[in-house]
Amino acid sequence: MKLHARPAIRPKRKIPSTKPRAVVKPPTLPVVKRSRVMPQALQALQHQLTQRGKTAKNQRRIAPPPPPKRHTTNIISHRRSNSNRRTHARVDRLNRRLAKHRDKVLQLKDSGVGRYLVILACGPSTEYAELEKLAGHRLVDVMTINKPNKRLWPTKYWVFCDQSQYKRNRAMFHSYRGTLINGSSVKVDRENQIIIKNIHGRGFSKDLLAGYHLGRSTTYANLQTALWMKYDKVFIFGCDMAKVDGKLHFYGVNPDVKERIRESRFEAEAEHYAYAAKHLSAGDRSRFYFCSRHNPWPFVEEFNRMDEQTAVDEILKMAENLS
């Protein structure tokens, strides 16, 4: 059976309209009268929300502030004030202590008139001196420096200026019955003791009420004591300021300081003695006799000098003229 092809249907052509398009207007909203109260309420609410938002935003962004730091300046000033208070308290205690000994220091003044004084230091040359001959002489007083020498002990005076000497000779200190003369750095008190104020720096004091200059040497300090007491002559044994037979002290080794360090200090001590030689009058210098052949320092030539081996006999001969 033969089928016939269906003819294609041609779509109808749209003819554009010539009529103008209608304008579609949006629906008009009813007109509402605005209230005067609403804008103020909205503004307040908006302001409130804005502030809350800002606060929350700042809290998220800004870390909490660190704790306040303590000022270093305040700490230093606080420490300084405490240190000043302690210093003032220490000075007050020292002044009260010195005031108790003022009358004793005054009793020493001119107490050596018409007498001789032998100062017995710790140098090794004392081993060559006949010290035993001086024991009990009625016109010759003996002053021991630091470590007592058993060859001539007890003596009328025993002097030292630092606390270490007390610690090393504690038992002898409390049993000693003579006159103790100590520097103000010695912290122990006894009835037979006289305390003199330590003065640091260079000088030579003629007024023990003001104190004496240590001069890095107990012997140097008590040359000032001897001059205050107005002894006619003062003989210093054991002021060697050098090694003698390989030793620096008659008793051997000083446990408080190494020999090398102790030997290096003699130069500084000699400067103080040289100061005294320069500033003392010829009459004051003539009172002092250094009884040592071994002292190498030039200042000794400004004073009198004797041989320690013959010095004791010469002292006894000169003492005969006192009686």
C-alpha atoms as a PDB file:
ATOM      1  CA  MET A   1       0.000   0.000   0.000  1.00  0.00           C
ATOM      2  CA  LYS A   2       1.472   3.302  -0.988  1.00  0.00           C
ATOM      3  CA  LEU A   3       1.422   6.019   1.582  1.00  0.00           C
ATOM      4  CA  HIS A   4       1.351   9.584   0.601  1.00  0.00           C
ATOM      5  CA  ALA A   5       3.535  12.115   2.349  1.00  0.00           C
ATOM      6  CA  ARG A   6       1.694  14.587   4.507  1.00  0.00           C
ATOM      7  CA  PRO A   7       2.300  18.103   3.400  1.00  0.00           C
ATOM      8  CA  ALA A   8       4.185  20.280   5.969  1.00  0.00           C
ATOM      9  CA  ILE A   9       2.024  22.790   7.791  1.00  0.00           C
ATOM     10  CA  ARG A  10       3.466  26.246   7.673  1.00  0.00           C
ATOM     11  CA  PRO A  11       3.207  28.104  10.998  1.00  0.00           C
ATOM     12  CA  LYS A  12       1.114  31.131  11.101  1.00  0.00           C
ATOM     13  CA  ARG A  13       3.015  34.390  11.030  1.00  0.00           C
ATOM     14  CA  LYS A  14       2.398  36.771  13.914  1.00  0.00           C
ATOM     15  CA  ILE A  15       1.599  40.172  12.780  1.00  0.00           C
ATOM     16  CA  PRO A  16       2.939  42.810  15.186  1.00  0.00           C
ATOM     17  CA  SER A  17       0.263  44.959  16.745  1.00  0.00           C
ATOM     18  CA  THR A  18       0.292  48.559  15.955  1.00  0.00           C
ATOM     19  CA  LYS A  19      -1.540  49.467  19.190  1.00  0.00           C
ATOM     20  CA  PRO A  20       0.547  51.186  21.877  1.00  0.00           C
ATOM     21  CA  ARG A  21       1.364  49.094  24.920  1.00  0.00           C
ATOM     22  CA  ALA A  22      -0.400  49.914  28.104  1.00  0.00           C
ATOM     23  CA  VAL A  23       1.810  51.225  30.938  1.00  0.00           C
ATOM     24  CA  VAL A  24       1.507  49.039  33.986  1.00  0.00           C
ATOM     25  CA  LYS A  25       1.548  51.162  37.134  1.00  0.00           C
ATOM     26  CA  PRO A  26       2.801  49.659  40.428  1.00  0.00           C
ATOM     27  CA  PRO A  27       0.239  49.313  43.084  1.00  0.00           C
ATOM     28  CA  THR A  28       0.034  52.334  45.216  1.00  0.00           C
ATOM     29  CA  LEU A  29       0.561  51.886  48.987  1.00  0.00           C
ATOM     30  CA  PRO A  30      -1.750  53.473  51.394  1.00  0.00           C
ATOM     31  CA  VAL A  31      -0.370  56.676  52.835  1.00  0.00           C
ATOM     32  CA  VAL A  32       0.384  56.313  56.544  1.00  0.00           C
ATOM     33  CA  LYS A  33       0.904  59.382  58.624  1.00  0.00           C
ATOM     34  CA  ARG A  34       4.289  59.238  60.474  1.00  0.00           C
ATOM     35  CA  SER A  35       4.229  59.583  64.182  1.00  0.00           C
ATOM     36  CA  ARG A  36       6.573  61.989  65.877  1.00  0.00           C
ATOM     37  CA  VAL A  37       7.329  59.432  68.652  1.00  0.00           C
ATOM     38  CA  MET A  38       8.512  56.601  66.368  1.00  0.00           C
ATOM     39  CA  PRO A  39      11.677  58.200  64.973  1.00  0.00           C
ATOM     40  CA  GLN A  40      12.946  59.037  68.470  1.00  0.00           C
ATOM     41  CA  ALA A  41      12.283  55.504  69.732  1.00  0.00           C
ATOM     42  CA  LEU A  42      13.937  53.992  66.680  1.00  0.00           C
ATOM     43  CA  GLN A  43      16.898  56.272  67.024  1.00  0.00           C
ATOM     44  CA  ALA A  44      17.308  55.333  70.676  1.00  0.00           C
ATOM     45  CA  LEU A  45      17.017  51.637  69.847  1.00  0.00           C
ATOM     46  CA  GLN A  46      19.450  51.957  66.963  1.00  0.00           C
ATOM     47  CA  HIS A  47      21.925  53.840  69.153  1.00  0.00           C
ATOM     48  CA  GLN A  48      21.619  51.207  71.877  1.00  0.00           C
ATOM     49  CA  LEU A  49      22.249  48.357  69.443  1.00  0.00           C
ATOM     50  CA  THR A  50      25.161  50.198  67.886  1.00  0.00           C
ATOM     51  CA  GLN A  51      26.828  50.707  71.262  1.00  0.00           C
ATOM     52  CA  ARG A  52      26.358  47.047  72.163  1.00  0.00           C
ATOM     53  CA  GLY A  53      27.892  46.025  68.877  1.00  0.00           C
ATOM     54  CA  LYS A  54      30.858  48.293  69.321  1.00  0.00           C
ATOM     55  CA  THR A  55      31.457  47.015  72.848  1.00  0.00           C
ATOM     56  CA  ALA A  56      31.291  43.391  71.760  1.00  0.00           C
ATOM     57  CA  LYS A  57      33.554  44.105  68.816  1.00  0.00           C
ATOM     58  CA  ASN A  58      36.106  45.863  71.008  1.00  0.00           C
ATOM     59  CA  GLN A  59      36.040  43.044  73.534  1.00  0.00           C
ATOM     60  CA  ARG A  60      36.835  40.575  70.804  1.00  0.00           C
ATOM     61  CA  ARG A  61      39.588  42.706  69.287  1.00  0.00           C
ATOM     62  CA  ILE A  62      41.362  44.247  72.340  1.00  0.00           C
ATOM     63  CA  ALA A  63      43.155  42.001  74.845  1.00  0.00           C
ATOM     64  CA  PRO A  64      42.738  42.737  78.541  1.00  0.00           C
ATOM     65  CA  PRO A  65      45.385  45.157  79.841  1.00  0.00           C
ATOM     66  CA  PRO A  66      48.407  43.576  81.634  1.00  0.00           C
ATOM     67  CA  PRO A  67      48.805  44.078  85.378  1.00  0.00           C
ATOM     68  CA  PRO A  68      50.663  47.256  86.296  1.00  0.00           C
ATOM     69  CA  LYS A  69      54.434  46.810  86.564  1.00  0.00           C
ATOM     70  CA  ARG A  70      56.282  47.698  89.715  1.00  0.00           C
ATOM     71  CA  HIS A  71      58.560  50.607  89.086  1.00  0.00           C
ATOM     72  CA  THR A  72      62.268  49.808  89.307  1.00  0.00           C
ATOM     73  CA  THR A  73      62.905  53.316  90.551  1.00  0.00           C
ATOM     74  CA  ASN A  74      60.551  52.776  93.458  1.00  0.00           C
ATOM     75  CA  ILE A  75      62.295  49.527  94.389  1.00  0.00           C
ATOM     76  CA  ILE A  76      65.715  51.182  94.325  1.00  0.00           C
ATOM     77  CA  SER A  77      64.535  54.140  96.358  1.00  0.00           C
ATOM     78  CA  HIS A  78      62.891  51.749  98.821  1.00  0.00           C
ATOM     79  CA  ARG A  79      66.111  49.794  99.180  1.00  0.00           C
ATOM     80  CA  ARG A  80      68.107  52.977  99.557  1.00  0.00           C
ATOM     81  CA  SER A  81      65.791  54.233 102.261  1.00  0.00           C
ATOM     82  CA  ASN A  82      66.139  50.929 104.122  1.00  0.00           C
ATOM     83  CA  SER A  83      69.913  51.066 103.710  1.00  0.00           C
ATOM     84  CA  ASN A  84      69.995  54.650 104.975  1.00  0.00           C
ATOM     85  CA  ARG A  85      67.940  53.702 108.011  1.00  0.00           C
ATOM     86  CA  ARG A  86      70.301  50.826 108.795  1.00  0.00           C
ATOM     87  CA  THR A  87      73.325  53.081 108.332  1.00  0.00           C
ATOM     88  CA  HIS A  88      71.900  55.732 110.652  1.00  0.00           C
ATOM     89  CA  ALA A  89      71.063  53.091 113.244  1.00  0.00           C
ATOM     90  CA  ARG A  90      74.601  51.682 113.035  1.00  0.00           C
ATOM     91  CA  VAL A  91      76.139  55.138 113.405  1.00  0.00           C
ATOM     92  CA  ASP A  92      73.907  55.867 116.406  1.00  0.00           C
ATOM     93  CA  ARG A  93      74.979  52.629 118.099  1.00  0.00           C
ATOM     94  CA  LEU A  94      78.639  53.420 117.439  1.00  0.00           C
ATOM     95  CA  ASN A  95      78.303  56.960 118.816  1.00  0.00           C
ATOM     96  CA  ARG A  96      76.606  55.692 121.974  1.00  0.00           C
ATOM     97  CA  ARG A  97      79.339  53.108 122.419  1.00  0.00           C
ATOM     98  CA  LEU A  98      82.138  55.661 121.908  1.00  0.00           C
ATOM     99  CA  ALA A  99      80.461  58.031 124.352  1.00  0.00           C
ATOM    100  CA  LYS A 100      80.767  55.371 127.080  1.00  0.00           C
ATOM    101  CA  HIS A 101      84.535  55.187 126.503  1.00  0.00           C
ATOM    102  CA  ARG A 102      85.154  58.914 126.228  1.00  0.00           C
ATOM    103  CA  ASP A 103      86.275  59.280 129.860  1.00  0.00           C
ATOM    104  CA  LYS A 104      88.638  56.321 129.516  1.00  0.00           C
ATOM    105  CA  VAL A 105      90.240  57.848 126.430  1.00  0.00           C
ATOM    106  CA  LEU A 106      90.708  61.086 128.343  1.00  0.00           C
ATOM    107  CA  GLN A 107      92.406  59.162 131.175  1.00  0.00           C
ATOM    108  CA  LEU A 108      95.002  57.904 128.682  1.00  0.00           C
ATOM    109  CA  LYS A 109      96.002  61.446 127.742  1.00  0.00           C
ATOM    110  CA  ASP A 110      99.477  62.361 129.097  1.00  0.00           C
ATOM    111  CA  SER A 111      99.553  59.175 131.184  1.00  0.00           C
ATOM    112  CA  GLY A 112     102.991  58.219 129.818  1.00  0.00           C
ATOM    113  CA  VAL A 113     104.862  61.367 130.811  1.00  0.00           C
ATOM    114  CA  GLY A 114     108.203  60.467 132.401  1.00  0.00           C
ATOM    115  CA  ARG A 115     108.041  56.861 131.145  1.00  0.00           C
ATOM    116  CA  TYR A 116     109.104  54.720 128.182  1.00  0.00           C
ATOM    117  CA  LEU A 117     106.872  52.552 126.044  1.00  0.00           C
ATOM    118  CA  VAL A 118     107.871  49.396 124.175  1.00  0.00           C
ATOM    119  CA  ILE A 119     105.509  48.445 121.344  1.00  0.00           C
ATOM    120  CA  LEU A 120     105.825  44.743 120.617  1.00  0.00           C
ATOM    121  CA  ALA A 121     104.646  43.989 117.061  1.00  0.00           C
ATOM    122  CA  CYS A 122     104.543  40.578 115.387  1.00  0.00           C
ATOM    123  CA  GLY A 123     107.559  40.742 113.074  1.00  0.00           C
ATOM    124  CA  PRO A 124     110.042  37.841 113.240  1.00  0.00           C
ATOM    125  CA  SER A 125     112.966  40.053 114.303  1.00  0.00           C
ATOM    126  CA  THR A 126     111.552  39.995 117.862  1.00  0.00           C
ATOM    127  CA  GLU A 127     113.132  36.535 118.143  1.00  0.00           C
ATOM    128  CA  TYR A 128     116.547  38.234 118.238  1.00  0.00           C
ATOM    129  CA  ALA A 129     115.625  40.706 120.996  1.00  0.00           C
ATOM    130  CA  GLU A 130     116.117  39.941 124.689  1.00  0.00           C
ATOM    131  CA  LEU A 131     112.563  40.840 125.581  1.00  0.00           C
ATOM    132  CA  GLU A 132     112.534  38.990 128.901  1.00  0.00           C
ATOM    133  CA  LYS A 133     114.754  41.689 130.433  1.00  0.00           C
ATOM    134  CA  LEU A 134     111.923  44.207 130.113  1.00  0.00           C
ATOM    135  CA  ALA A 135     109.475  42.239 132.281  1.00  0.00           C
ATOM    136  CA  GLY A 136     108.337  44.118 135.367  1.00  0.00           C
ATOM    137  CA  HIS A 137     110.408  47.272 134.812  1.00  0.00           C
ATOM    138  CA  ARG A 138     108.843  50.075 136.799  1.00  0.00           C
ATOM    139  CA  LEU A 139     109.503  52.798 134.182  1.00  0.00           C
ATOM    140  CA  VAL A 140     109.051  50.836 130.975  1.00  0.00           C
ATOM    141  CA  ASP A 141     105.541  49.882 129.866  1.00  0.00           C
ATOM    142  CA  VAL A 142     104.960  47.258 127.181  1.00  0.00           C
ATOM    143  CA  MET A 143     102.163  47.277 124.599  1.00  0.00           C
ATOM    144  CA  THR A 144     101.410  44.045 122.714  1.00  0.00           C
ATOM    145  CA  ILE A 145     100.203  44.330 119.120  1.00  0.00           C
ATOM    146  CA  ASN A 146      97.686  41.671 117.955  1.00  0.00           C
ATOM    147  CA  LYS A 147      99.137  38.239 118.834  1.00  0.00           C
ATOM    148  CA  PRO A 148     100.581  37.969 122.385  1.00  0.00           C
ATOM    149  CA  ASN A 149     104.226  36.939 122.585  1.00  0.00           C
ATOM    150  CA  LYS A 150     104.703  34.339 125.335  1.00  0.00           C
ATOM    151  CA  ARG A 151     108.238  35.543 125.971  1.00  0.00           C
ATOM    152  CA  LEU A 152     106.849  38.777 127.389  1.00  0.00           C
ATOM    153  CA  TRP A 153     103.305  38.211 128.630  1.00  0.00           C
ATOM    154  CA  PRO A 154     101.117  39.565 130.126  1.00  0.00           C
ATOM    155  CA  THR A 155     101.894  43.161 129.245  1.00  0.00           C
ATOM    156  CA  LYS A 156     100.347  46.374 130.541  1.00  0.00           C
ATOM    157  CA  TYR A 157      98.526  47.054 127.263  1.00  0.00           C
ATOM    158  CA  TRP A 158      97.133  44.762 124.593  1.00  0.00           C
ATOM    159  CA  VAL A 159      95.880  46.386 121.397  1.00  0.00           C
ATOM    160  CA  PHE A 160      94.231  45.198 118.197  1.00  0.00           C
ATOM    161  CA  CYS A 161      91.850  46.797 115.724  1.00  0.00           C
ATOM    162  CA  ASP A 162      89.846  44.050 114.026  1.00  0.00           C
ATOM    163  CA  GLN A 163      87.441  41.325 115.074  1.00  0.00           C
ATOM    164  CA  SER A 164      89.521  38.467 113.628  1.00  0.00           C
ATOM    165  CA  GLN A 165      92.141  38.952 116.354  1.00  0.00           C
ATOM    166  CA  TYR A 166      89.463  38.500 118.983  1.00  0.00           C
ATOM    167  CA  LYS A 167      88.258  35.274 117.365  1.00  0.00           C
ATOM    168  CA  ARG A 168      91.771  33.851 117.244  1.00  0.00           C
ATOM    169  CA  ASN A 169      92.617  34.839 120.839  1.00  0.00           C
ATOM    170  CA  ARG A 170      89.206  34.538 122.483  1.00  0.00           C
ATOM    171  CA  ALA A 171      90.329  32.675 125.620  1.00  0.00           C
ATOM    172  CA  MET A 172      93.242  35.038 126.299  1.00  0.00           C
ATOM    173  CA  PHE A 173      91.003  38.039 125.673  1.00  0.00           C
ATOM    174  CA  HIS A 174      88.564  37.103 128.454  1.00  0.00           C
ATOM    175  CA  SER A 175      91.298  36.173 130.926  1.00  0.00           C
ATOM    176  CA  TYR A 176      93.477  39.238 130.326  1.00  0.00           C
ATOM    177  CA  ARG A 177      93.648  41.656 133.290  1.00  0.00           C
ATOM    178  CA  GLY A 178      95.600  44.547 131.773  1.00  0.00           C
ATOM    179  CA  THR A 179      94.250  47.417 129.660  1.00  0.00           C
ATOM    180  CA  LEU A 180      92.677  46.508 126.325  1.00  0.00           C
ATOM    181  CA  ILE A 181      92.783  49.177 123.627  1.00  0.00           C
ATOM    182  CA  ASN A 182      90.672  48.238 120.617  1.00  0.00           C
ATOM    183  CA  GLY A 183      89.426  49.814 117.433  1.00  0.00           C
ATOM    184  CA  SER A 184      85.711  50.387 117.031  1.00  0.00           C
ATOM    185  CA  SER A 185      85.355  47.398 114.665  1.00  0.00           C
ATOM    186  CA  VAL A 186      85.908  45.033 117.628  1.00  0.00           C
ATOM    187  CA  LYS A 187      82.377  44.125 118.741  1.00  0.00           C
ATOM    188  CA  VAL A 188      83.089  42.678 122.189  1.00  0.00           C
ATOM    189  CA  ASP A 189      83.033  44.781 125.365  1.00  0.00           C
ATOM    190  CA  ARG A 190      84.846  44.342 128.663  1.00  0.00           C
ATOM    191  CA  GLU A 191      85.274  46.506 131.733  1.00  0.00           C
ATOM    192  CA  ASN A 192      89.047  46.869 131.237  1.00  0.00           C
ATOM    193  CA  GLN A 193      88.648  47.896 127.594  1.00  0.00           C
ATOM    194  CA  ILE A 194      89.017  51.248 125.818  1.00  0.00           C
ATOM    195  CA  ILE A 195      87.377  51.669 122.400  1.00  0.00           C
ATOM    196  CA  ILE A 196      88.817  54.181 119.920  1.00  0.00           C
ATOM    197  CA  LYS A 197      87.089  55.125 116.694  1.00  0.00           C
ATOM    198  CA  ASN A 198      88.670  53.821 113.495  1.00  0.00           C
ATOM    199  CA  ILE A 199      89.358  56.510 110.894  1.00  0.00           C
ATOM    200  CA  HIS A 200      90.005  55.324 107.355  1.00  0.00           C
ATOM    201  CA  GLY A 201      92.162  57.176 104.884  1.00  0.00           C
ATOM    202  CA  ARG A 202      95.537  58.810 105.227  1.00  0.00           C
ATOM    203  CA  GLY A 203      96.405  60.856 108.287  1.00  0.00           C
ATOM    204  CA  PHE A 204      97.948  60.899 111.748  1.00  0.00           C
ATOM    205  CA  SER A 205      95.634  61.836 114.601  1.00  0.00           C
ATOM    206  CA  LYS A 206      96.760  63.707 117.680  1.00  0.00           C
ATOM    207  CA  ASP A 207      93.281  63.671 119.227  1.00  0.00           C
ATOM    208  CA  LEU A 208      92.044  60.182 120.117  1.00  0.00           C
ATOM    209  CA  LEU A 209      88.630  61.548 121.036  1.00  0.00           C
ATOM    210  CA  ALA A 210      88.153  61.960 117.290  1.00  0.00           C
ATOM    211  CA  GLY A 211      89.762  58.559 116.638  1.00  0.00           C
ATOM    212  CA  TYR A 212      92.945  57.251 115.063  1.00  0.00           C
ATOM    213  CA  HIS A 213      93.920  56.482 111.476  1.00  0.00           C
ATOM    214  CA  LEU A 214      94.442  52.778 110.922  1.00  0.00           C
ATOM    215  CA  GLY A 215      96.972  53.174 108.119  1.00  0.00           C
ATOM    216  CA  ARG A 216      96.404  49.471 107.288  1.00  0.00           C
ATOM    217  CA  SER A 217      98.458  48.606 110.385  1.00  0.00           C
ATOM    218  CA  THR A 218      97.679  48.206 114.089  1.00  0.00           C
ATOM    219  CA  THR A 219     101.222  49.347 114.873  1.00  0.00           C
ATOM    220  CA  TYR A 220     100.712  52.583 112.923  1.00  0.00           C
ATOM    221  CA  ALA A 221      97.389  53.248 114.669  1.00  0.00           C
ATOM    222  CA  ASN A 222      98.995  52.905 118.095  1.00  0.00           C
ATOM    223  CA  LEU A 223     101.878  55.222 117.340  1.00  0.00           C
ATOM    224  CA  GLN A 224      99.080  57.776 117.583  1.00  0.00           C
ATOM    225  CA  THR A 225      98.022  56.259 120.921  1.00  0.00           C
ATOM    226  CA  ALA A 226     101.586  56.535 122.233  1.00  0.00           C
ATOM    227  CA  LEU A 227     101.820  60.184 121.175  1.00  0.00           C
ATOM    228  CA  TRP A 228      98.439  60.900 122.827  1.00  0.00           C
ATOM    229  CA  MET A 229      99.818  59.366 126.050  1.00  0.00           C
ATOM    230  CA  LYS A 230     102.980  61.537 125.748  1.00  0.00           C
ATOM    231  CA  TYR A 231     105.571  58.844 126.462  1.00  0.00           C
ATOM    232  CA  ASP A 232     109.071  60.274 126.536  1.00  0.00           C
ATOM    233  CA  LYS A 233     110.353  57.589 124.168  1.00  0.00           C
ATOM    234  CA  VAL A 234     108.599  54.867 122.199  1.00  0.00           C
ATOM    235  CA  PHE A 235     110.511  51.762 121.030  1.00  0.00           C
ATOM    236  CA  ILE A 236     108.908  49.676 118.291  1.00  0.00           C
ATOM    237  CA  PHE A 237     110.012  46.037 117.997  1.00  0.00           C
ATOM    238  CA  GLY A 238     108.898  43.680 115.225  1.00  0.00           C
ATOM    239  CA  CYS A 239     107.960  46.328 112.652  1.00  0.00           C
ATOM    240  CA  ASP A 240     109.988  44.550 109.948  1.00  0.00           C
ATOM    241  CA  MET A 241     107.578  44.868 106.993  1.00  0.00           C
ATOM    242  CA  ALA A 242     109.580  42.171 105.177  1.00  0.00           C
ATOM    243  CA  LYS A 243     110.456  38.504 105.476  1.00  0.00           C
ATOM    244  CA  VAL A 244     113.096  37.572 108.039  1.00  0.00           C
ATOM    245  CA  ASP A 245     114.496  34.057 107.804  1.00  0.00           C
ATOM    246  CA  GLY A 246     111.632  33.174 105.456  1.00  0.00           C
ATOM    247  CA  LYS A 247     108.911  34.276 107.922  1.00  0.00           C
ATOM    248  CA  LEU A 248     106.579  37.271 108.095  1.00  0.00           C
ATOM    249  CA  HIS A 249     105.485  36.751 111.733  1.00  0.00           C
ATOM    250  CA  PHE A 250     107.265  35.477 114.810  1.00  0.00           C
ATOM    251  CA  TYR A 251     104.492  32.918 115.367  1.00  0.00           C
ATOM    252  CA  GLY A 252     104.639  31.504 111.849  1.00  0.00           C
ATOM    253  CA  VAL A 253     101.682  31.741 109.451  1.00  0.00           C
ATOM    254  CA  ASN A 254      98.753  34.124 109.660  1.00  0.00           C
ATOM    255  CA  PRO A 255      95.632  31.987 109.028  1.00  0.00           C
ATOM    256  CA  ASP A 256      93.567  34.971 107.858  1.00  0.00           C
ATOM    257  CA  VAL A 257      95.633  35.963 104.829  1.00  0.00           C
ATOM    258  CA  LYS A 258      98.051  34.263 102.445  1.00  0.00           C
ATOM    259  CA  GLU A 259     101.731  35.224 102.778  1.00  0.00           C
ATOM    260  CA  ARG A 260     101.914  36.448  99.178  1.00  0.00           C
ATOM    261  CA  ILE A 261      99.007  38.838  99.752  1.00  0.00           C
ATOM    262  CA  ARG A 262     100.299  39.960 103.141  1.00  0.00           C
ATOM    263  CA  GLU A 263     103.729  40.722 101.717  1.00  0.00           C
ATOM    264  CA  SER A 264     102.204  42.772  98.908  1.00  0.00           C
ATOM    265  CA  ARG A 265     100.510  45.072 101.445  1.00  0.00           C
ATOM    266  CA  PHE A 266     103.720  46.410 102.975  1.00  0.00           C
ATOM    267  CA  GLU A 267     104.124  49.026 100.264  1.00  0.00           C
ATOM    268  CA  ALA A 268     100.711  50.566 101.046  1.00  0.00           C
ATOM    269  CA  GLU A 269     101.515  50.533 104.773  1.00  0.00           C
ATOM    270  CA  ALA A 270     104.834  52.255 104.128  1.00  0.00           C
ATOM    271  CA  GLU A 271     103.000  55.135 102.442  1.00  0.00           C
ATOM    272  CA  HIS A 272     101.150  55.850 105.694  1.00  0.00           C
ATOM    273  CA  TYR A 273     104.371  55.804 107.725  1.00  0.00           C
ATOM    274  CA  ALA A 274     105.939  58.126 105.147  1.00  0.00           C
ATOM    275  CA  TYR A 275     102.971  60.481 105.581  1.00  0.00           C
ATOM    276  CA  ALA A 276     103.585  60.560 109.333  1.00  0.00           C
ATOM    277  CA  ALA A 277     107.305  61.185 108.808  1.00  0.00           C
ATOM    278  CA  LYS A 278     106.492  64.109 106.557  1.00  0.00           C
ATOM    279  CA  HIS A 279     103.825  65.775 108.694  1.00  0.00           C
ATOM    280  CA  LEU A 280     105.072  65.174 112.250  1.00  0.00           C
ATOM    281  CA  SER A 281     107.360  67.730 113.796  1.00  0.00           C
ATOM    282  CA  ALA A 282     111.005  66.886 114.456  1.00  0.00           C
ATOM    283  CA  GLY A 283     110.267  66.768 118.177  1.00  0.00           C
ATOM    284  CA  ASP A 284     107.473  64.221 117.723  1.00  0.00           C
ATOM    285  CA  ARG A 285     109.574  62.078 115.373  1.00  0.00           C
ATOM    286  CA  SER A 286     112.433  62.049 117.847  1.00  0.00           C
ATOM    287  CA  ARG A 287     110.270  60.149 120.340  1.00  0.00           C
ATOM    288  CA  PHE A 288     110.053  57.057 118.114  1.00  0.00           C
ATOM    289  CA  TYR A 289     112.715  54.345 117.759  1.00  0.00           C
ATOM    290  CA  PHE A 290     112.295  51.557 115.203  1.00  0.00           C
ATOM    291  CA  CYS A 291     114.200  48.579 116.607  1.00  0.00           C
ATOM    292  CA  SER A 292     114.728  46.477 113.478  1.00  0.00           C
ATOM    293  CA  ARG A 293     117.637  45.978 111.094  1.00  0.00           C
ATOM    294  CA  HIS A 294     115.345  44.384 108.510  1.00  0.00           C
ATOM    295  CA  ASN A 295     112.832  47.108 107.664  1.00  0.00           C
ATOM    296  CA  PRO A 296     113.721  48.108 104.068  1.00  0.00           C
ATOM    297  CA  TRP A 297     111.443  51.125 103.670  1.00  0.00           C
ATOM    298  CA  PRO A 298     112.913  54.659 103.475  1.00  0.00           C
ATOM    299  CA  PHE A 299     110.562  56.216 106.056  1.00  0.00           C
ATOM    300  CA  VAL A 300     112.524  54.545 108.877  1.00  0.00           C
ATOM    301  CA  GLU A 301     115.440  56.887 108.270  1.00  0.00           C
ATOM    302  CA  GLU A 302     113.203  59.828 109.222  1.00  0.00           C
ATOM    303  CA  PHE A 303     112.909  58.386 112.744  1.00  0.00           C
ATOM    304  CA  ASN A 304     115.441  56.928 115.149  1.00  0.00           C
ATOM    305  CA  ARG A 305     116.670  53.426 114.375  1.00  0.00           C
ATOM    306  CA  MET A 306     118.204  50.727 116.583  1.00  0.00           C
ATOM    307  CA  ASP A 307     119.408  47.159 116.224  1.00  0.00           C
ATOM    308  CA  GLU A 308     116.918  44.760 117.827  1.00  0.00           C
ATOM    309  CA  GLN A 309     119.761  42.616 119.203  1.00  0.00           C
ATOM    310  CA  THR A 310     121.183  45.418 121.371  1.00  0.00           C
ATOM    311  CA  ALA A 311     118.094  47.607 121.742  1.00  0.00           C
ATOM    312  CA  VAL A 312     116.873  46.161 125.049  1.00  0.00           C
ATOM    313  CA  ASP A 313     120.149  46.871 126.840  1.00  0.00           C
ATOM    314  CA  GLU A 314     120.199  50.422 125.483  1.00  0.00           C
ATOM    315  CA  ILE A 315     116.630  50.984 126.643  1.00  0.00           C
ATOM    316  CA  LEU A 316     117.473  49.847 130.161  1.00  0.00           C
ATOM    317  CA  LYS A 317     120.479  52.173 130.257  1.00  0.00           C
ATOM    318  CA  MET A 318     118.407  55.139 129.108  1.00  0.00           C
ATOM    319  CA  ALA A 319     115.696  54.261 131.658  1.00  0.00           C
ATOM    320  CA  GLU A 320     118.226  54.702 134.469  1.00  0.00           C
ATOM    321  CA  ASN A 321     118.272  58.392 133.690  1.00  0.00           C
ATOM    322  CA  LEU A 322     114.521  58.611 134.302  1.00  0.00           C
ATOM    323  CA  SER A 323     114.725  57.589 137.934  1.00  0.00           C
END
